[in-house]
Amino acid sequence: MGKGGMGNLMKQAQMMQANLKKAQDELANINVEGSSGNGLVKISMSCKNDIKKIDIDESLLNDKEILEDLIMVALKDAFQKIETTSSEKMSGLVPPGMNIPF
């Protein structure tokens, strides 16, 4: 590979790195909501896994086991939505076959 080819490759790598950083910064400002029990438990999180808000319906406060289960399901739902949103945001930024964890 000639000198010009290596320079272009470096520029492309730097551009890809800048685009990835920008997308990661944008993900920090995107919130998703996981829910369970038909909305009785709602957990709002950023796509950087920061919990922003938890909303629990008062009807659940007398049943500890059900509440624990519903919180777990709502968290799993939120994490799945974070994964989907992050993958969609990053998909066009990385060449096919190059697996980079986000």
C-alpha atoms as a PDB file:
ATOM      1  CA  MET A   1       0.000   0.000   0.000  1.00  0.00           C
ATOM      2  CA  GLY A   2       1.414   3.349  -1.013  1.00  0.00           C
ATOM      3  CA  LYS A   3       1.883   6.335   1.233  1.00  0.00           C
ATOM      4  CA  GLY A   4      -1.312   7.998  -0.029  1.00  0.00           C
ATOM      5  CA  GLY A   5      -3.348   4.853   0.642  1.00  0.00           C
ATOM      6  CA  MET A   6      -2.143   4.680   4.225  1.00  0.00           C
ATOM      7  CA  GLY A   7      -2.931   8.364   4.739  1.00  0.00           C
ATOM      8  CA  ASN A   8      -6.468   7.874   3.432  1.00  0.00           C
ATOM      9  CA  LEU A   9      -6.909   4.845   5.677  1.00  0.00           C
ATOM     10  CA  MET A  10      -5.798   6.869   8.704  1.00  0.00           C
ATOM     11  CA  LYS A  11      -8.188   9.698   7.807  1.00  0.00           C
ATOM     12  CA  GLN A  12     -11.051   7.215   7.477  1.00  0.00           C
ATOM     13  CA  ALA A  13     -10.181   5.661  10.841  1.00  0.00           C
ATOM     14  CA  GLN A  14     -10.090   9.087  12.498  1.00  0.00           C
ATOM     15  CA  MET A  15     -13.420  10.023  10.913  1.00  0.00           C
ATOM     16  CA  MET A  16     -14.981   6.752  12.064  1.00  0.00           C
ATOM     17  CA  GLN A  17     -13.640   7.328  15.587  1.00  0.00           C
ATOM     18  CA  ALA A  18     -15.099  10.858  15.663  1.00  0.00           C
ATOM     19  CA  ASN A  19     -18.468   9.591  14.409  1.00  0.00           C
ATOM     20  CA  LEU A  20     -18.507   6.819  17.031  1.00  0.00           C
ATOM     21  CA  LYS A  21     -17.744   9.315  19.804  1.00  0.00           C
ATOM     22  CA  LYS A  22     -20.522  11.621  18.581  1.00  0.00           C
ATOM     23  CA  ALA A  23     -23.012   8.722  18.472  1.00  0.00           C
ATOM     24  CA  GLN A  24     -22.012   7.601  21.976  1.00  0.00           C
ATOM     25  CA  ASP A  25     -22.504  11.155  23.274  1.00  0.00           C
ATOM     26  CA  GLU A  26     -25.945  11.260  21.630  1.00  0.00           C
ATOM     27  CA  LEU A  27     -26.873   7.914  23.228  1.00  0.00           C
ATOM     28  CA  ALA A  28     -26.217   9.405  26.671  1.00  0.00           C
ATOM     29  CA  ASN A  29     -29.092  11.822  25.955  1.00  0.00           C
ATOM     30  CA  ILE A  30     -31.556   9.225  24.666  1.00  0.00           C
ATOM     31  CA  ASN A  31     -33.914   7.761  27.255  1.00  0.00           C
ATOM     32  CA  VAL A  32     -35.903   4.544  27.007  1.00  0.00           C
ATOM     33  CA  GLU A  33     -38.662   3.226  29.237  1.00  0.00           C
ATOM     34  CA  GLY A  34     -38.912  -0.352  30.368  1.00  0.00           C
ATOM     35  CA  SER A  35     -42.210  -1.456  31.823  1.00  0.00           C
ATOM     36  CA  SER A  36     -43.970  -4.475  33.238  1.00  0.00           C
ATOM     37  CA  GLY A  37     -47.346  -5.456  34.636  1.00  0.00           C
ATOM     38  CA  ASN A  38     -49.193  -3.449  31.980  1.00  0.00           C
ATOM     39  CA  GLY A  39     -47.394  -0.290  33.079  1.00  0.00           C
ATOM     40  CA  LEU A  40     -47.628  -0.834  36.833  1.00  0.00           C
ATOM     41  CA  VAL A  41     -43.820  -0.577  37.002  1.00  0.00           C
ATOM     42  CA  LYS A  42     -41.945   1.804  34.694  1.00  0.00           C
ATOM     43  CA  ILE A  43     -38.211   2.434  34.653  1.00  0.00           C
ATOM     44  CA  SER A  44     -36.733   5.256  32.587  1.00  0.00           C
ATOM     45  CA  MET A  45     -33.034   4.904  31.700  1.00  0.00           C
ATOM     46  CA  SER A  46     -30.536   6.611  29.422  1.00  0.00           C
ATOM     47  CA  CYS A  47     -28.852   4.525  26.754  1.00  0.00           C
ATOM     48  CA  LYS A  48     -25.746   4.757  28.924  1.00  0.00           C
ATOM     49  CA  ASN A  49     -27.533   2.713  31.642  1.00  0.00           C
ATOM     50  CA  ASP A  50     -28.214   5.638  33.978  1.00  0.00           C
ATOM     51  CA  ILE A  51     -31.530   5.157  35.780  1.00  0.00           C
ATOM     52  CA  LYS A  52     -33.501   8.392  35.490  1.00  0.00           C
ATOM     53  CA  LYS A  53     -36.825   7.506  37.104  1.00  0.00           C
ATOM     54  CA  ILE A  54     -38.719   4.592  38.616  1.00  0.00           C
ATOM     55  CA  ASP A  55     -42.511   4.695  38.790  1.00  0.00           C
ATOM     56  CA  ILE A  56     -44.323   2.038  40.852  1.00  0.00           C
ATOM     57  CA  ASP A  57     -48.093   1.871  41.072  1.00  0.00           C
ATOM     58  CA  GLU A  58     -49.261   2.070  44.695  1.00  0.00           C
ATOM     59  CA  SER A  59     -51.321  -1.118  44.321  1.00  0.00           C
ATOM     60  CA  LEU A  60     -48.055  -3.108  44.316  1.00  0.00           C
ATOM     61  CA  LEU A  61     -46.702  -1.816  47.609  1.00  0.00           C
ATOM     62  CA  ASN A  62     -48.294  -4.603  49.667  1.00  0.00           C
ATOM     63  CA  ASP A  63     -46.850  -7.527  47.697  1.00  0.00           C
ATOM     64  CA  LYS A  64     -43.072  -7.589  47.926  1.00  0.00           C
ATOM     65  CA  GLU A  65     -42.490 -10.671  45.741  1.00  0.00           C
ATOM     66  CA  ILE A  66     -44.642  -9.468  42.853  1.00  0.00           C
ATOM     67  CA  LEU A  67     -43.063  -6.011  43.066  1.00  0.00           C
ATOM     68  CA  GLU A  68     -39.548  -7.506  42.935  1.00  0.00           C
ATOM     69  CA  ASP A  69     -40.477  -9.618  39.913  1.00  0.00           C
ATOM     70  CA  LEU A  70     -42.054  -6.682  38.082  1.00  0.00           C
ATOM     71  CA  ILE A  71     -39.018  -4.469  38.744  1.00  0.00           C
ATOM     72  CA  MET A  72     -36.755  -7.169  37.312  1.00  0.00           C
ATOM     73  CA  VAL A  73     -38.931  -7.538  34.204  1.00  0.00           C
ATOM     74  CA  ALA A  74     -39.056  -3.754  33.715  1.00  0.00           C
ATOM     75  CA  LEU A  75     -35.254  -3.536  34.007  1.00  0.00           C
ATOM     76  CA  LYS A  76     -34.789  -6.339  31.472  1.00  0.00           C
ATOM     77  CA  ASP A  77     -37.202  -4.550  29.134  1.00  0.00           C
ATOM     78  CA  ALA A  78     -35.261  -1.290  29.495  1.00  0.00           C
ATOM     79  CA  PHE A  79     -31.900  -2.990  28.892  1.00  0.00           C
ATOM     80  CA  GLN A  80     -33.264  -4.704  25.773  1.00  0.00           C
ATOM     81  CA  LYS A  81     -34.504  -1.354  24.452  1.00  0.00           C
ATOM     82  CA  ILE A  82     -31.107   0.224  25.210  1.00  0.00           C
ATOM     83  CA  GLU A  83     -29.381  -2.569  23.275  1.00  0.00           C
ATOM     84  CA  THR A  84     -31.707  -2.140  20.290  1.00  0.00           C
ATOM     85  CA  THR A  85     -31.404   1.652  20.275  1.00  0.00           C
ATOM     86  CA  SER A  86     -27.602   1.521  20.608  1.00  0.00           C
ATOM     87  CA  SER A  87     -27.256  -1.041  17.828  1.00  0.00           C
ATOM     88  CA  GLU A  88     -29.450   1.011  15.506  1.00  0.00           C
ATOM     89  CA  LYS A  89     -27.503   4.194  16.275  1.00  0.00           C
ATOM     90  CA  MET A  90     -24.108   2.575  15.710  1.00  0.00           C
ATOM     91  CA  SER A  91     -24.935   0.216  12.827  1.00  0.00           C
ATOM     92  CA  GLY A  92     -24.003   2.526   9.985  1.00  0.00           C
ATOM     93  CA  LEU A  93     -20.804   3.768  11.592  1.00  0.00           C
ATOM     94  CA  VAL A  94     -18.771   0.555  11.609  1.00  0.00           C
ATOM     95  CA  PRO A  95     -17.765  -1.413   8.518  1.00  0.00           C
ATOM     96  CA  PRO A  96     -19.462  -4.838   8.173  1.00  0.00           C
ATOM     97  CA  GLY A  97     -17.667  -7.625  10.020  1.00  0.00           C
ATOM     98  CA  MET A  98     -15.971  -5.239  12.454  1.00  0.00           C
ATOM     99  CA  ASN A  99     -17.467  -5.978  15.852  1.00  0.00           C
ATOM    100  CA  ILE A 100     -16.984  -3.141  18.311  1.00  0.00           C
ATOM    101  CA  PRO A 101     -18.763  -3.310  21.691  1.00  0.00           C
ATOM    102  CA  PHE A 102     -20.782  -0.226  22.594  1.00  0.00           C
END
